């Protein structure tokens, strides 16, 4: 038996198909893009709601002081607001009195403003017949900062 060569067929060169286009992307890229978009929207919404809550807390503090008519009433209102905020940090904090209360207010701050600063007015300012409006304004700045810090943290 003899081997005969196979008859030659008229073959042509193989041409590769078209390269895949970059658009539209594959489904995996769409899923990745939608996940990133959801993440960005979620982070943006979180920041928006956080800012809105901080603004509401700030307005609450300012409105409570606006309702107080006299400087002594403003001192009492600030003391009440600080005690409410302190309960969010430590449930027993609202029972502190005198220097213990002022030391608690100063805890964690870089510059003690309550025990030795304008915040010392909280010790007995609400029981005075009169209070200097400049001292009350200095106390307002310090008390507002501490109040907002505690409300943000809790």
N, C-alpha and C. Protein backbone atom coordinates (compact mmCIF):
# COMPACT_ATOMS: atom_id res chain seq x y z
N UNK A 1 0.82 -1.13 0.00
CA UNK A 1 0.00 0.00 0.00
C UNK A 1 0.89 1.23 0.00
N UNK A 2 0.58 2.06 -0.85
CA UNK A 2 1.42 3.25 -0.97
C UNK A 2 0.63 4.46 -0.55
N UNK A 3 1.33 5.35 0.07
CA UNK A 3 0.68 6.57 0.54
C UNK A 3 0.71 7.60 -0.55
N UNK A 4 -0.42 8.10 -0.77
CA UNK A 4 -0.48 9.16 -1.77
C UNK A 4 -0.63 10.49 -1.05
N UNK A 5 -0.03 11.49 -1.56
CA UNK A 5 -0.17 12.79 -0.90
C UNK A 5 -1.61 13.26 -0.99
N UNK A 6 -2.04 13.91 0.06
CA UNK A 6 -3.40 14.42 0.11
C UNK A 6 -3.55 15.51 -0.93
N UNK A 7 -4.68 15.52 -1.57
CA UNK A 7 -4.85 16.56 -2.57
C UNK A 7 -4.86 17.93 -1.89
N UNK A 8 -4.26 18.86 -2.49
CA UNK A 8 -4.18 20.18 -1.87
C UNK A 8 -5.48 20.92 -2.10
N UNK A 9 -5.96 21.46 -0.99
CA UNK A 9 -7.21 22.20 -1.04
C UNK A 9 -6.90 23.68 -1.16
N UNK A 10 -7.76 24.40 -1.76
CA UNK A 10 -7.51 25.84 -1.87
C UNK A 10 -7.83 26.54 -0.53
N UNK A 11 -6.88 26.62 0.39
CA UNK A 11 -7.06 27.26 1.69
C UNK A 11 -6.63 28.71 1.62
N UNK A 12 -7.29 29.50 2.41
CA UNK A 12 -6.94 30.92 2.49
C UNK A 12 -6.41 31.21 3.89
N UNK A 13 -5.69 32.33 4.04
CA UNK A 13 -5.18 32.71 5.36
C UNK A 13 -6.32 33.02 6.31
N UNK A 14 -6.10 32.73 7.60
CA UNK A 14 -7.09 33.02 8.63
C UNK A 14 -6.91 34.47 9.05
N UNK A 15 -7.99 35.21 8.99
CA UNK A 15 -7.95 36.61 9.42
C UNK A 15 -8.61 36.73 10.79
N UNK A 16 -7.94 37.42 11.72
CA UNK A 16 -8.58 37.57 13.04
C UNK A 16 -9.80 38.48 12.91
N UNK A 17 -10.75 38.25 13.81
CA UNK A 17 -11.96 39.07 13.80
C UNK A 17 -11.65 40.49 14.29
N UNK A 18 -12.67 41.28 14.31
CA UNK A 18 -12.51 42.65 14.78
C UNK A 18 -12.18 42.65 16.27
N UNK A 19 -11.34 43.58 16.68
CA UNK A 19 -11.01 43.71 18.10
C UNK A 19 -12.25 44.21 18.84
N UNK A 20 -12.46 43.74 20.05
CA UNK A 20 -13.64 44.19 20.77
C UNK A 20 -13.57 45.70 21.03
N UNK A 21 -14.69 46.35 20.89
CA UNK A 21 -14.74 47.80 21.09
C UNK A 21 -14.70 48.12 22.59
N UNK A 22 -14.24 49.30 22.92
CA UNK A 22 -14.18 49.69 24.33
C UNK A 22 -15.55 50.14 24.83
N UNK A 23 -16.45 50.44 23.91
CA UNK A 23 -17.80 50.83 24.30
C UNK A 23 -18.80 49.94 23.62
N UNK A 24 -19.75 49.44 24.24
CA UNK A 24 -20.12 49.50 25.65
C UNK A 24 -19.24 48.56 26.48
N UNK A 25 -18.97 48.94 27.70
CA UNK A 25 -18.13 48.09 28.55
C UNK A 25 -18.83 46.78 28.90
N UNK A 26 -18.04 45.87 29.33
CA UNK A 26 -18.56 44.56 29.74
C UNK A 26 -19.42 44.73 31.00
N UNK A 27 -20.30 43.79 31.27
CA UNK A 27 -21.19 43.91 32.43
C UNK A 27 -20.45 44.08 33.77
N UNK A 28 -19.28 43.50 33.90
CA UNK A 28 -18.52 43.66 35.13
C UNK A 28 -18.13 45.11 35.38
N UNK A 29 -17.79 45.82 34.32
CA UNK A 29 -17.45 47.24 34.47
C UNK A 29 -18.67 48.06 34.85
N UNK A 30 -19.83 47.69 34.31
CA UNK A 30 -21.06 48.39 34.68
C UNK A 30 -21.37 48.19 36.17
N UNK A 31 -21.16 46.96 36.64
CA UNK A 31 -21.41 46.70 38.06
C UNK A 31 -20.42 47.47 38.94
N UNK A 32 -19.17 47.52 38.53
CA UNK A 32 -18.17 48.27 39.29
C UNK A 32 -18.50 49.76 39.30
N UNK A 33 -18.89 50.29 38.16
CA UNK A 33 -19.26 51.70 38.07
C UNK A 33 -20.48 52.01 38.93
N UNK A 34 -21.47 51.14 38.91
CA UNK A 34 -22.66 51.39 39.73
C UNK A 34 -22.34 51.26 41.22
N UNK A 35 -21.45 50.34 41.60
CA UNK A 35 -21.05 50.23 43.01
C UNK A 35 -20.31 51.49 43.46
N UNK A 36 -19.43 52.00 42.62
CA UNK A 36 -18.71 53.24 42.96
C UNK A 36 -19.67 54.42 43.05
N UNK A 37 -20.62 54.47 42.15
CA UNK A 37 -21.60 55.56 42.17
C UNK A 37 -22.44 55.49 43.45
N UNK A 38 -22.87 54.29 43.82
CA UNK A 38 -23.63 54.13 45.07
C UNK A 38 -22.79 54.52 46.28
N UNK A 39 -21.52 54.19 46.26
CA UNK A 39 -20.63 54.55 47.36
C UNK A 39 -20.49 56.07 47.47
N UNK A 40 -20.29 56.74 46.35
CA UNK A 40 -20.15 58.20 46.36
C UNK A 40 -21.45 58.86 46.82
N UNK A 41 -22.58 58.38 46.33
CA UNK A 41 -23.87 58.95 46.76
C UNK A 41 -24.10 58.69 48.25
N UNK A 42 -23.76 57.50 48.72
CA UNK A 42 -23.92 57.18 50.14
C UNK A 42 -23.05 58.05 51.03
N UNK A 43 -21.81 58.25 50.64
CA UNK A 43 -20.92 59.12 51.43
C UNK A 43 -21.42 60.56 51.39
N UNK A 44 -21.85 61.02 50.24
CA UNK A 44 -22.39 62.38 50.14
C UNK A 44 -23.64 62.55 51.00
N UNK A 45 -24.51 61.56 51.00
CA UNK A 45 -25.72 61.62 51.83
C UNK A 45 -25.36 61.61 53.31
N UNK A 46 -24.38 60.79 53.69
CA UNK A 46 -23.95 60.74 55.08
C UNK A 46 -23.42 62.10 55.54
N UNK A 47 -22.56 62.73 54.71
CA UNK A 47 -22.04 64.06 55.06
C UNK A 47 -23.16 65.10 55.13
N UNK A 48 -24.10 65.01 54.21
CA UNK A 48 -25.21 65.97 54.21
C UNK A 48 -26.05 65.83 55.48
N UNK A 49 -26.40 64.60 55.84
CA UNK A 49 -27.21 64.38 57.04
C UNK A 49 -26.44 64.76 58.31
N UNK A 50 -25.15 64.50 58.32
CA UNK A 50 -24.32 64.88 59.47
C UNK A 50 -24.29 66.40 59.63
N UNK A 51 -24.07 67.10 58.53
CA UNK A 51 -24.04 68.57 58.56
C UNK A 51 -25.40 69.11 58.99
N UNK A 52 -26.46 68.50 58.51
CA UNK A 52 -27.81 68.94 58.86
C UNK A 52 -28.08 68.74 60.35
N UNK A 53 -27.63 67.62 60.90
CA UNK A 53 -27.81 67.35 62.33
C UNK A 53 -27.01 68.35 63.17
N UNK A 54 -25.78 68.62 62.76
CA UNK A 54 -24.94 69.58 63.49
C UNK A 54 -25.58 70.96 63.45
N UNK A 55 -26.11 71.35 62.31
CA UNK A 55 -26.78 72.65 62.21
C UNK A 55 -28.02 72.70 63.10
N UNK A 56 -28.76 71.60 63.16
CA UNK A 56 -29.96 71.57 64.01
C UNK A 56 -29.59 71.68 65.49
N UNK A 57 -28.53 71.00 65.89
CA UNK A 57 -28.08 71.07 67.28
C UNK A 57 -27.59 72.48 67.60
N UNK A 58 -26.88 73.07 66.67
CA UNK A 58 -26.39 74.44 66.86
C UNK A 58 -27.55 75.43 66.97
N UNK A 59 -28.55 75.27 66.12
CA UNK A 59 -29.73 76.14 66.20
C UNK A 59 -30.47 75.95 67.52
N UNK A 60 -30.53 74.71 68.00
CA UNK A 60 -31.20 74.44 69.28
C UNK A 60 -30.51 75.19 70.41
N UNK A 61 -29.19 75.17 70.43
CA UNK A 61 -28.43 75.89 71.45
C UNK A 61 -28.70 77.39 71.35
N UNK A 62 -28.61 77.92 70.14
CA UNK A 62 -28.82 79.36 69.95
C UNK A 62 -30.25 79.78 70.28
N UNK A 63 -31.22 78.96 69.92
CA UNK A 63 -32.62 79.28 70.22
C UNK A 63 -32.90 79.25 71.72
N UNK A 64 -32.28 78.30 72.42
CA UNK A 64 -32.48 78.23 73.87
C UNK A 64 -31.93 79.49 74.54
N UNK A 65 -30.82 79.99 74.04
CA UNK A 65 -30.26 81.22 74.61
C UNK A 65 -31.07 82.44 74.20
N UNK A 66 -31.64 82.41 73.01
CA UNK A 66 -32.45 83.54 72.56
C UNK A 66 -33.74 83.65 73.38
N UNK A 67 -34.26 82.52 73.84
CA UNK A 67 -35.47 82.55 74.66
C UNK A 67 -35.20 83.10 76.06
N UNK A 68 -33.96 82.99 76.52
CA UNK A 68 -33.61 83.53 77.84
C UNK A 68 -33.51 85.05 77.73
N UNK A 69 -34.20 85.75 78.60
CA UNK A 69 -34.28 87.20 78.47
C UNK A 69 -33.16 87.95 79.18
N UNK A 70 -32.71 87.45 80.30
CA UNK A 70 -31.69 88.17 81.07
C UNK A 70 -30.37 87.41 81.00
N UNK A 71 -29.26 88.08 81.27
CA UNK A 71 -27.97 87.38 81.28
C UNK A 71 -27.93 86.21 82.28
N UNK A 72 -28.58 86.38 83.42
CA UNK A 72 -28.61 85.30 84.42
C UNK A 72 -29.40 84.11 83.87
N UNK A 73 -30.49 84.37 83.16
CA UNK A 73 -31.27 83.29 82.56
C UNK A 73 -30.47 82.59 81.46
N UNK A 74 -29.63 83.33 80.75
CA UNK A 74 -28.78 82.73 79.72
C UNK A 74 -27.76 81.78 80.36
N UNK A 75 -27.22 82.18 81.50
CA UNK A 75 -26.27 81.31 82.21
C UNK A 75 -26.97 80.02 82.63
N UNK A 76 -28.17 80.14 83.17
CA UNK A 76 -28.94 78.95 83.59
C UNK A 76 -29.26 78.06 82.39
N UNK A 77 -29.60 78.67 81.25
CA UNK A 77 -29.91 77.89 80.05
C UNK A 77 -28.67 77.14 79.55
N UNK A 78 -27.51 77.82 79.57
CA UNK A 78 -26.28 77.15 79.14
C UNK A 78 -25.93 76.00 80.08
N UNK A 79 -26.13 76.21 81.36
CA UNK A 79 -25.85 75.14 82.32
C UNK A 79 -26.75 73.93 82.07
N UNK A 80 -28.02 74.19 81.82
CA UNK A 80 -28.95 73.09 81.54
C UNK A 80 -28.58 72.35 80.26
N UNK A 81 -28.24 73.09 79.21
CA UNK A 81 -27.86 72.45 77.95
C UNK A 81 -26.59 71.62 78.11
N UNK A 82 -25.62 72.14 78.83
CA UNK A 82 -24.39 71.39 79.04
C UNK A 82 -24.64 70.13 79.86
N UNK A 83 -25.52 70.21 80.83
CA UNK A 83 -25.83 69.02 81.63
C UNK A 83 -26.54 67.96 80.78
N UNK A 84 -27.41 68.38 79.90
CA UNK A 84 -28.08 67.42 79.00
C UNK A 84 -27.07 66.74 78.09
N UNK A 85 -26.16 67.54 77.54
CA UNK A 85 -25.15 66.97 76.66
C UNK A 85 -24.19 66.06 77.43
N UNK A 86 -23.90 66.42 78.67
CA UNK A 86 -22.98 65.61 79.49
C UNK A 86 -23.57 64.24 79.77
N UNK A 87 -24.88 64.15 79.88
CA UNK A 87 -25.52 62.85 80.10
C UNK A 87 -25.29 61.90 78.94
N UNK A 88 -25.09 62.44 77.77
CA UNK A 88 -24.82 61.58 76.61
C UNK A 88 -23.42 60.99 76.69
N UNK A 89 -22.50 61.69 77.35
CA UNK A 89 -21.13 61.21 77.49
C UNK A 89 -21.02 60.28 78.70
N UNK A 90 -21.57 60.71 79.83
CA UNK A 90 -21.53 59.94 81.07
C UNK A 90 -22.87 60.12 81.78
N UNK A 91 -23.64 59.05 81.96
CA UNK A 91 -24.97 59.19 82.57
C UNK A 91 -24.97 59.78 83.98
N UNK A 92 -23.85 59.70 84.68
CA UNK A 92 -23.78 60.23 86.04
C UNK A 92 -23.26 61.67 86.08
N UNK A 93 -22.90 62.23 84.95
CA UNK A 93 -22.25 63.54 84.92
C UNK A 93 -23.17 64.67 85.35
N UNK A 94 -24.45 64.54 85.15
CA UNK A 94 -25.34 65.65 85.50
C UNK A 94 -25.51 65.80 87.01
N UNK A 95 -24.98 64.87 87.78
CA UNK A 95 -25.07 64.96 89.24
C UNK A 95 -23.87 65.69 89.85
N UNK A 96 -22.87 65.99 89.05
CA UNK A 96 -21.68 66.67 89.56
C UNK A 96 -22.02 68.11 89.93
N UNK A 97 -21.32 68.62 90.92
CA UNK A 97 -21.56 69.99 91.40
C UNK A 97 -20.23 70.73 91.54
N UNK A 98 -20.27 72.04 91.48
CA UNK A 98 -19.12 72.89 91.79
C UNK A 98 -17.91 72.62 90.91
N UNK A 99 -16.75 72.53 91.58
CA UNK A 99 -15.50 72.35 90.84
C UNK A 99 -15.42 70.99 90.14
N UNK A 100 -16.09 69.99 90.69
CA UNK A 100 -16.12 68.68 90.01
C UNK A 100 -16.82 68.80 88.66
N UNK A 101 -17.89 69.55 88.61
CA UNK A 101 -18.63 69.77 87.37
C UNK A 101 -17.77 70.54 86.37
N UNK A 102 -17.10 71.59 86.84
CA UNK A 102 -16.25 72.38 85.94
C UNK A 102 -15.05 71.57 85.46
N UNK A 103 -14.50 70.72 86.32
CA UNK A 103 -13.39 69.84 85.90
C UNK A 103 -13.87 68.85 84.85
N UNK A 104 -15.08 68.34 85.02
CA UNK A 104 -15.64 67.44 84.02
C UNK A 104 -15.82 68.16 82.68
N UNK A 105 -16.25 69.41 82.72
CA UNK A 105 -16.41 70.18 81.49
C UNK A 105 -15.06 70.42 80.81
N UNK A 106 -14.01 70.58 81.61
CA UNK A 106 -12.67 70.81 81.06
C UNK A 106 -12.00 69.53 80.58
N UNK A 107 -12.46 68.39 81.00
CA UNK A 107 -11.81 67.12 80.66
C UNK A 107 -11.75 66.94 79.15
N UNK A 108 -10.56 66.62 78.68
CA UNK A 108 -10.38 66.36 77.26
C UNK A 108 -10.14 67.58 76.40
N UNK A 109 -10.19 68.76 76.97
CA UNK A 109 -9.93 69.96 76.16
C UNK A 109 -8.48 70.38 76.34
N UNK A 110 -7.94 71.01 75.32
CA UNK A 110 -6.54 71.42 75.35
C UNK A 110 -6.33 72.59 76.31
N UNK A 111 -7.26 73.51 76.30
CA UNK A 111 -7.16 74.67 77.19
C UNK A 111 -8.34 74.66 78.15
N UNK A 112 -8.08 74.49 79.44
CA UNK A 112 -9.19 74.49 80.39
C UNK A 112 -9.87 75.86 80.43
N UNK A 113 -11.11 75.90 80.06
CA UNK A 113 -11.83 77.17 79.99
C UNK A 113 -12.94 77.27 81.02
N UNK A 114 -13.20 76.20 81.72
CA UNK A 114 -14.32 76.23 82.67
C UNK A 114 -13.84 76.43 84.10
N UNK A 115 -12.83 75.72 84.52
CA UNK A 115 -12.38 75.82 85.90
C UNK A 115 -11.69 77.15 86.17
N UNK A 116 -10.85 77.60 85.23
CA UNK A 116 -10.09 78.83 85.43
C UNK A 116 -10.44 79.93 84.44
N UNK A 117 -11.31 79.68 83.49
CA UNK A 117 -11.61 80.67 82.47
C UNK A 117 -13.01 81.23 82.60
N UNK A 118 -13.57 81.64 81.48
CA UNK A 118 -14.91 82.24 81.51
C UNK A 118 -16.00 81.26 81.92
N UNK A 119 -15.72 79.97 81.83
CA UNK A 119 -16.71 78.97 82.21
C UNK A 119 -16.95 78.88 83.71
N UNK A 120 -16.07 79.51 84.49
CA UNK A 120 -16.25 79.49 85.95
C UNK A 120 -17.53 80.21 86.35
N UNK A 121 -18.08 80.99 85.44
CA UNK A 121 -19.35 81.68 85.70
C UNK A 121 -20.49 80.68 85.91
N UNK A 122 -20.33 79.46 85.40
CA UNK A 122 -21.37 78.44 85.60
C UNK A 122 -21.50 78.03 87.06
N UNK A 123 -20.43 78.19 87.83
CA UNK A 123 -20.45 77.76 89.23
C UNK A 123 -21.54 78.46 90.02
N UNK A 124 -21.63 79.79 89.88
CA UNK A 124 -22.62 80.53 90.67
C UNK A 124 -23.31 81.64 89.88
N UNK A 125 -23.07 81.72 88.60
CA UNK A 125 -23.63 82.81 87.80
C UNK A 125 -25.14 82.82 87.73
N UNK A 126 -25.75 81.65 87.76
CA UNK A 126 -27.21 81.59 87.66
C UNK A 126 -27.88 82.04 88.95
N UNK A 127 -27.12 82.16 90.02
CA UNK A 127 -27.69 82.56 91.31
C UNK A 127 -27.39 84.01 91.66
N UNK A 128 -26.69 84.69 90.80
CA UNK A 128 -26.39 86.11 91.03
C UNK A 128 -27.59 86.95 90.64
N UNK A 129 -27.72 88.13 91.27
CA UNK A 129 -28.81 89.01 90.85
C UNK A 129 -28.55 89.62 89.47
N UNK A 130 -27.30 89.86 89.14
CA UNK A 130 -26.92 90.44 87.84
C UNK A 130 -25.66 89.75 87.34
N UNK A 131 -25.49 89.78 86.02
CA UNK A 131 -24.27 89.24 85.41
C UNK A 131 -23.85 90.17 84.29
N UNK A 132 -22.55 90.32 84.12
CA UNK A 132 -22.01 91.18 83.08
C UNK A 132 -22.25 90.52 81.71
N UNK A 133 -22.88 91.23 80.77
CA UNK A 133 -23.14 90.64 79.45
C UNK A 133 -21.87 90.21 78.72
N UNK A 134 -20.75 90.90 78.94
CA UNK A 134 -19.49 90.50 78.30
C UNK A 134 -19.02 89.14 78.83
N UNK A 135 -19.18 88.93 80.14
CA UNK A 135 -18.82 87.63 80.72
C UNK A 135 -19.74 86.53 80.21
N UNK A 136 -21.00 86.86 80.05
CA UNK A 136 -21.97 85.87 79.54
C UNK A 136 -21.64 85.51 78.10
N UNK A 137 -21.22 86.49 77.31
CA UNK A 137 -20.86 86.22 75.91
C UNK A 137 -19.61 85.34 75.84
N UNK A 138 -18.63 85.61 76.70
CA UNK A 138 -17.43 84.76 76.74
C UNK A 138 -17.80 83.33 77.15
N UNK A 139 -18.70 83.21 78.11
CA UNK A 139 -19.18 81.89 78.52
C UNK A 139 -19.93 81.21 77.38
N UNK A 140 -20.72 81.97 76.64
CA UNK A 140 -21.49 81.40 75.53
C UNK A 140 -20.57 80.75 74.50
N UNK A 141 -19.47 81.42 74.16
CA UNK A 141 -18.54 80.88 73.17
C UNK A 141 -17.94 79.55 73.64
N UNK A 142 -17.53 79.52 74.89
CA UNK A 142 -16.91 78.31 75.44
C UNK A 142 -17.95 77.19 75.59
N UNK A 143 -19.12 77.54 76.12
CA UNK A 143 -20.16 76.53 76.35
C UNK A 143 -20.69 75.98 75.03
N UNK A 144 -20.83 76.84 74.04
CA UNK A 144 -21.33 76.39 72.73
C UNK A 144 -20.36 75.39 72.10
N UNK A 145 -19.07 75.69 72.18
CA UNK A 145 -18.06 74.79 71.61
C UNK A 145 -18.11 73.42 72.31
N UNK A 146 -18.18 73.42 73.64
CA UNK A 146 -18.21 72.17 74.39
C UNK A 146 -19.51 71.40 74.10
N UNK A 147 -20.62 72.11 74.03
CA UNK A 147 -21.92 71.49 73.75
C UNK A 147 -21.89 70.81 72.37
N UNK A 148 -21.41 71.52 71.37
CA UNK A 148 -21.38 70.95 70.02
C UNK A 148 -20.41 69.78 69.94
N UNK A 149 -19.27 69.87 70.64
CA UNK A 149 -18.33 68.75 70.64
C UNK A 149 -18.98 67.50 71.22
N UNK A 150 -19.66 67.66 72.33
CA UNK A 150 -20.29 66.50 72.96
C UNK A 150 -21.44 65.96 72.12
N UNK A 151 -22.20 66.83 71.52
CA UNK A 151 -23.33 66.36 70.70
C UNK A 151 -22.84 65.68 69.43
N UNK A 152 -21.70 66.08 68.90
CA UNK A 152 -21.13 65.41 67.73
C UNK A 152 -20.63 64.02 68.10
N UNK A 153 -20.00 63.94 69.27
CA UNK A 153 -19.39 62.68 69.70
C UNK A 153 -20.42 61.61 70.02
N UNK A 154 -21.50 62.01 70.61
CA UNK A 154 -22.48 61.02 71.07
C UNK A 154 -23.45 60.64 69.98
